[in-house]
Amino acid sequence: MNDLLAPMPDSFTFRSTTITSEKDGQYGVTDHLTIRRVAKLVRFPANAVMEGHMLRGTATLEFARSAFGYGPYSALLGAIRNKDAVALHVDLVAIPE
């Protein structure tokens, strides 16, 4: 979430609460996303496959910065700016211990 020279959030946490199987290799993930001490319950699709003893997955979560109390970066009277929408891409690798 590096927006040119915009300050970074104080903290960023992502905690899974529910994962449901929807169809082959596709799951619904319900998580608490916390940015700058503002928590929101989010739900998004994820894809995952077993590769040997590893689980590999990908997901994309989209949200608005303003929902977490901070806006998009803007400079030079708006000549340089980015959007409120953010796409967070997640790559997951799980290996049993």
N, C-alpha and C. Protein backbone atom coordinates (compact mmCIF):
# COMPACT_ATOMS: atom_id res chain seq x y z
N MET A 1 0.81 -1.18 0.00
CA MET A 1 0.00 0.00 0.00
C MET A 1 0.86 1.25 0.00
N ASN A 2 1.91 1.28 -0.71
CA ASN A 2 2.76 2.45 -0.77
C ASN A 2 2.23 3.40 -1.83
N ASP A 3 1.70 4.52 -1.43
CA ASP A 3 1.10 5.49 -2.34
C ASP A 3 2.02 6.69 -2.48
N LEU A 4 2.97 6.58 -3.37
CA LEU A 4 3.95 7.63 -3.57
C LEU A 4 4.56 7.98 -2.22
N LEU A 5 4.31 9.17 -1.71
CA LEU A 5 4.91 9.56 -0.44
C LEU A 5 3.90 9.60 0.70
N ALA A 6 2.74 9.00 0.51
CA ALA A 6 1.70 9.01 1.54
C ALA A 6 2.16 8.20 2.75
N PRO A 7 1.77 8.63 3.95
CA PRO A 7 2.15 7.88 5.14
C PRO A 7 1.53 6.48 5.13
N MET A 8 2.28 5.52 5.62
CA MET A 8 1.81 4.15 5.67
C MET A 8 0.86 3.98 6.86
N PRO A 9 -0.09 3.07 6.78
CA PRO A 9 -0.98 2.80 7.91
C PRO A 9 -0.17 2.38 9.14
N ASP A 10 -0.71 2.73 10.32
CA ASP A 10 -0.05 2.35 11.56
C ASP A 10 0.08 0.84 11.69
N SER A 11 -0.96 0.13 11.28
CA SER A 11 -0.92 -1.33 11.35
C SER A 11 -1.87 -1.91 10.31
N PHE A 12 -1.62 -3.18 9.99
CA PHE A 12 -2.39 -3.88 8.99
C PHE A 12 -2.47 -5.31 9.45
N THR A 13 -3.65 -5.82 9.76
CA THR A 13 -3.81 -7.22 10.15
C THR A 13 -4.95 -7.84 9.36
N PHE A 14 -4.85 -9.13 9.19
CA PHE A 14 -5.81 -9.88 8.40
C PHE A 14 -6.00 -11.21 9.11
N ARG A 15 -7.17 -11.46 9.65
CA ARG A 15 -7.41 -12.66 10.45
C ARG A 15 -8.59 -13.43 9.89
N SER A 16 -8.35 -14.67 9.47
CA SER A 16 -9.40 -15.50 8.89
C SER A 16 -10.32 -16.02 9.98
N THR A 17 -11.63 -15.95 9.74
CA THR A 17 -12.61 -16.49 10.69
C THR A 17 -13.37 -17.67 10.11
N THR A 18 -13.59 -17.66 8.79
CA THR A 18 -14.35 -18.73 8.15
C THR A 18 -13.87 -18.94 6.72
N ILE A 19 -13.66 -20.21 6.36
CA ILE A 19 -13.36 -20.57 4.98
C ILE A 19 -14.34 -21.66 4.60
N THR A 20 -15.11 -21.42 3.53
CA THR A 20 -16.09 -22.40 3.10
C THR A 20 -15.77 -22.87 1.68
N SER A 21 -15.94 -24.15 1.44
CA SER A 21 -15.72 -24.72 0.12
C SER A 21 -16.93 -24.41 -0.74
N GLU A 22 -16.68 -23.83 -1.91
CA GLU A 22 -17.79 -23.48 -2.80
C GLU A 22 -17.89 -24.43 -3.97
N LYS A 23 -16.78 -24.75 -4.61
CA LYS A 23 -16.71 -25.79 -5.64
C LYS A 23 -15.24 -26.15 -5.80
N ASP A 24 -14.92 -27.10 -6.65
CA ASP A 24 -13.55 -27.59 -6.80
C ASP A 24 -12.51 -26.48 -6.83
N GLY A 25 -11.69 -26.40 -5.79
CA GLY A 25 -10.60 -25.43 -5.76
C GLY A 25 -11.00 -24.01 -5.47
N GLN A 26 -12.29 -23.75 -5.26
CA GLN A 26 -12.74 -22.40 -4.97
C GLN A 26 -13.37 -22.34 -3.58
N TYR A 27 -13.02 -21.28 -2.87
CA TYR A 27 -13.44 -21.12 -1.49
C TYR A 27 -13.95 -19.71 -1.25
N GLY A 28 -14.81 -19.56 -0.28
CA GLY A 28 -15.23 -18.24 0.20
C GLY A 28 -14.52 -18.01 1.51
N VAL A 29 -13.84 -16.88 1.63
CA VAL A 29 -13.08 -16.56 2.84
C VAL A 29 -13.73 -15.36 3.51
N THR A 30 -14.01 -15.48 4.79
CA THR A 30 -14.53 -14.38 5.58
C THR A 30 -13.47 -14.03 6.61
N ASP A 31 -13.03 -12.80 6.58
CA ASP A 31 -11.91 -12.37 7.43
C ASP A 31 -12.18 -11.00 8.02
N HIS A 32 -11.44 -10.72 9.09
CA HIS A 32 -11.41 -9.37 9.65
C HIS A 32 -10.17 -8.68 9.11
N LEU A 33 -10.38 -7.61 8.38
CA LEU A 33 -9.28 -6.80 7.88
C LEU A 33 -9.22 -5.55 8.75
N THR A 34 -8.07 -5.28 9.36
CA THR A 34 -7.90 -4.11 10.21
C THR A 34 -6.79 -3.25 9.63
N ILE A 35 -7.10 -1.98 9.37
CA ILE A 35 -6.12 -1.01 8.90
C ILE A 35 -6.29 0.24 9.76
N ARG A 36 -5.19 0.71 10.32
CA ARG A 36 -5.21 1.91 11.17
C ARG A 36 -6.23 1.78 12.29
N ARG A 37 -6.26 0.61 12.89
CA ARG A 37 -7.14 0.31 14.03
C ARG A 37 -8.63 0.32 13.69
N VAL A 38 -8.98 0.29 12.40
CA VAL A 38 -10.38 0.20 11.97
C VAL A 38 -10.57 -1.21 11.39
N ALA A 39 -11.48 -1.98 11.99
CA ALA A 39 -11.71 -3.36 11.56
C ALA A 39 -13.00 -3.46 10.76
N LYS A 40 -12.94 -4.22 9.68
CA LYS A 40 -14.12 -4.47 8.84
C LYS A 40 -14.18 -5.96 8.54
N LEU A 41 -15.38 -6.51 8.59
CA LEU A 41 -15.59 -7.90 8.19
C LEU A 41 -15.71 -7.93 6.68
N VAL A 42 -14.87 -8.71 6.02
CA VAL A 42 -14.87 -8.78 4.56
C VAL A 42 -15.03 -10.24 4.12
N ARG A 43 -15.59 -10.40 2.94
CA ARG A 43 -15.72 -11.74 2.34
C ARG A 43 -15.25 -11.65 0.90
N PHE A 44 -14.45 -12.65 0.48
CA PHE A 44 -13.93 -12.64 -0.88
C PHE A 44 -13.67 -14.06 -1.35
N PRO A 45 -13.62 -14.29 -2.67
CA PRO A 45 -13.33 -15.62 -3.21
C PRO A 45 -11.83 -15.89 -3.23
N ALA A 46 -11.48 -17.17 -3.07
CA ALA A 46 -10.08 -17.60 -3.15
C ALA A 46 -10.02 -18.91 -3.93
N ASN A 47 -8.91 -19.12 -4.61
CA ASN A 47 -8.65 -20.37 -5.32
C ASN A 47 -7.48 -21.06 -4.65
N ALA A 48 -7.56 -22.38 -4.48
CA ALA A 48 -6.48 -23.12 -3.84
C ALA A 48 -6.39 -24.53 -4.42
N VAL A 49 -5.16 -25.04 -4.49
CA VAL A 49 -4.92 -26.40 -4.96
C VAL A 49 -3.83 -27.04 -4.09
N MET A 50 -3.89 -28.36 -3.95
CA MET A 50 -2.83 -29.10 -3.27
C MET A 50 -1.75 -29.41 -4.27
N GLU A 51 -0.50 -29.12 -3.92
CA GLU A 51 0.67 -29.47 -4.74
C GLU A 51 1.58 -30.31 -3.85
N GLY A 52 1.44 -31.63 -3.97
CA GLY A 52 2.17 -32.51 -3.06
C GLY A 52 1.64 -32.33 -1.66
N HIS A 53 2.50 -31.93 -0.71
CA HIS A 53 2.06 -31.72 0.67
C HIS A 53 1.79 -30.24 0.97
N MET A 54 1.85 -29.38 -0.07
CA MET A 54 1.63 -27.94 0.12
C MET A 54 0.27 -27.52 -0.43
N LEU A 55 -0.34 -26.58 0.24
CA LEU A 55 -1.55 -25.94 -0.25
C LEU A 55 -1.15 -24.58 -0.79
N ARG A 56 -1.46 -24.31 -2.06
CA ARG A 56 -1.16 -23.02 -2.67
C ARG A 56 -2.47 -22.35 -3.06
N GLY A 57 -2.55 -21.06 -2.77
CA GLY A 57 -3.78 -20.35 -3.08
C GLY A 57 -3.53 -18.91 -3.48
N THR A 58 -4.53 -18.33 -4.12
CA THR A 58 -4.51 -16.91 -4.49
C THR A 58 -5.88 -16.31 -4.23
N ALA A 59 -5.88 -15.02 -3.93
CA ALA A 59 -7.13 -14.30 -3.73
C ALA A 59 -6.90 -12.82 -4.00
N THR A 60 -7.96 -12.13 -4.34
CA THR A 60 -7.91 -10.68 -4.50
C THR A 60 -9.06 -10.09 -3.70
N LEU A 61 -8.71 -9.16 -2.84
CA LEU A 61 -9.69 -8.48 -2.00
C LEU A 61 -9.69 -7.01 -2.40
N GLU A 62 -10.87 -6.48 -2.69
CA GLU A 62 -10.99 -5.08 -3.07
C GLU A 62 -11.74 -4.33 -1.98
N PHE A 63 -11.24 -3.13 -1.65
CA PHE A 63 -11.88 -2.31 -0.63
C PHE A 63 -11.56 -0.84 -0.89
N ALA A 64 -12.28 0.04 -0.21
CA ALA A 64 -12.06 1.48 -0.33
C ALA A 64 -11.22 1.95 0.86
N ARG A 65 -10.22 2.76 0.57
CA ARG A 65 -9.39 3.32 1.64
C ARG A 65 -10.23 4.10 2.64
N SER A 66 -11.20 4.84 2.11
CA SER A 66 -12.04 5.68 2.97
C SER A 66 -12.81 4.87 4.01
N ALA A 67 -13.08 3.60 3.73
CA ALA A 67 -13.76 2.74 4.70
C ALA A 67 -12.91 2.51 5.94
N PHE A 68 -11.60 2.74 5.81
CA PHE A 68 -10.68 2.55 6.92
C PHE A 68 -10.14 3.88 7.45
N GLY A 69 -10.76 4.97 7.06
CA GLY A 69 -10.43 6.25 7.65
C GLY A 69 -9.29 7.02 7.02
N TYR A 70 -8.86 6.64 5.84
CA TYR A 70 -7.84 7.43 5.15
C TYR A 70 -8.15 7.48 3.66
N GLY A 71 -7.83 8.57 3.05
CA GLY A 71 -8.19 8.76 1.65
C GLY A 71 -7.03 8.54 0.72
N PRO A 72 -7.28 8.64 -0.56
CA PRO A 72 -6.23 8.46 -1.54
C PRO A 72 -5.24 9.63 -1.51
N TYR A 73 -4.05 9.37 -1.99
CA TYR A 73 -2.99 10.38 -2.04
C TYR A 73 -3.31 11.39 -3.14
N SER A 74 -3.01 12.65 -2.87
CA SER A 74 -3.22 13.70 -3.86
C SER A 74 -2.16 14.78 -3.66
N ALA A 75 -1.62 15.31 -4.76
CA ALA A 75 -0.62 16.38 -4.70
C ALA A 75 -0.79 17.29 -5.90
N LEU A 76 -0.16 18.44 -5.83
CA LEU A 76 -0.20 19.42 -6.92
C LEU A 76 -1.62 19.72 -7.38
N LEU A 77 -2.45 20.07 -6.39
CA LEU A 77 -3.85 20.42 -6.64
C LEU A 77 -4.61 19.32 -7.39
N GLY A 78 -4.26 18.09 -7.10
CA GLY A 78 -4.94 16.96 -7.71
C GLY A 78 -4.35 16.48 -9.01
N ALA A 79 -3.29 17.12 -9.50
CA ALA A 79 -2.66 16.69 -10.75
C ALA A 79 -2.04 15.30 -10.59
N ILE A 80 -1.56 15.00 -9.38
CA ILE A 80 -1.04 13.67 -9.06
C ILE A 80 -1.97 13.09 -8.00
N ARG A 81 -2.58 11.98 -8.30
CA ARG A 81 -3.50 11.37 -7.33
C ARG A 81 -3.73 9.91 -7.68
N ASN A 82 -4.25 9.19 -6.71
CA ASN A 82 -4.67 7.83 -6.98
C ASN A 82 -6.10 7.65 -6.51
N LYS A 83 -6.66 6.50 -6.74
CA LYS A 83 -8.07 6.26 -6.46
C LYS A 83 -8.29 5.78 -5.04
N ASP A 84 -9.54 5.84 -4.60
CA ASP A 84 -9.92 5.36 -3.28
C ASP A 84 -9.92 3.84 -3.23
N ALA A 85 -10.19 3.20 -4.38
CA ALA A 85 -10.26 1.74 -4.44
C ALA A 85 -8.87 1.11 -4.37
N VAL A 86 -8.76 0.02 -3.63
CA VAL A 86 -7.51 -0.73 -3.48
C VAL A 86 -7.79 -2.19 -3.80
N ALA A 87 -6.89 -2.84 -4.52
CA ALA A 87 -6.97 -4.28 -4.75
C ALA A 87 -5.78 -4.91 -4.04
N LEU A 88 -6.07 -5.77 -3.08
CA LEU A 88 -5.04 -6.47 -2.31
C LEU A 88 -4.94 -7.90 -2.85
N HIS A 89 -3.81 -8.24 -3.43
CA HIS A 89 -3.58 -9.59 -3.99
C HIS A 89 -2.82 -10.42 -2.96
N VAL A 90 -3.34 -11.61 -2.68
CA VAL A 90 -2.76 -12.48 -1.65
C VAL A 90 -2.31 -13.79 -2.30
N ASP A 91 -1.06 -14.17 -2.05
CA ASP A 91 -0.55 -15.49 -2.43
C ASP A 91 -0.33 -16.27 -1.14
N LEU A 92 -0.86 -17.47 -1.08
CA LEU A 92 -0.81 -18.28 0.12
C LEU A 92 -0.06 -19.58 -0.15
N VAL A 93 0.82 -19.93 0.75
CA VAL A 93 1.47 -21.25 0.73
C VAL A 93 1.39 -21.81 2.15
N ALA A 94 0.74 -22.96 2.30
CA ALA A 94 0.62 -23.60 3.60
C ALA A 94 1.32 -24.95 3.55
N ILE A 95 2.20 -25.17 4.51
CA ILE A 95 2.95 -26.43 4.60
C ILE A 95 2.74 -27.01 5.99
N PRO A 96 2.29 -28.26 6.11
CA PRO A 96 2.09 -28.83 7.44
C PRO A 96 3.43 -29.01 8.17
N GLU A 97 3.39 -28.83 9.48
CA GLU A 97 4.61 -28.99 10.28
C GLU A 97 4.80 -30.42 10.69
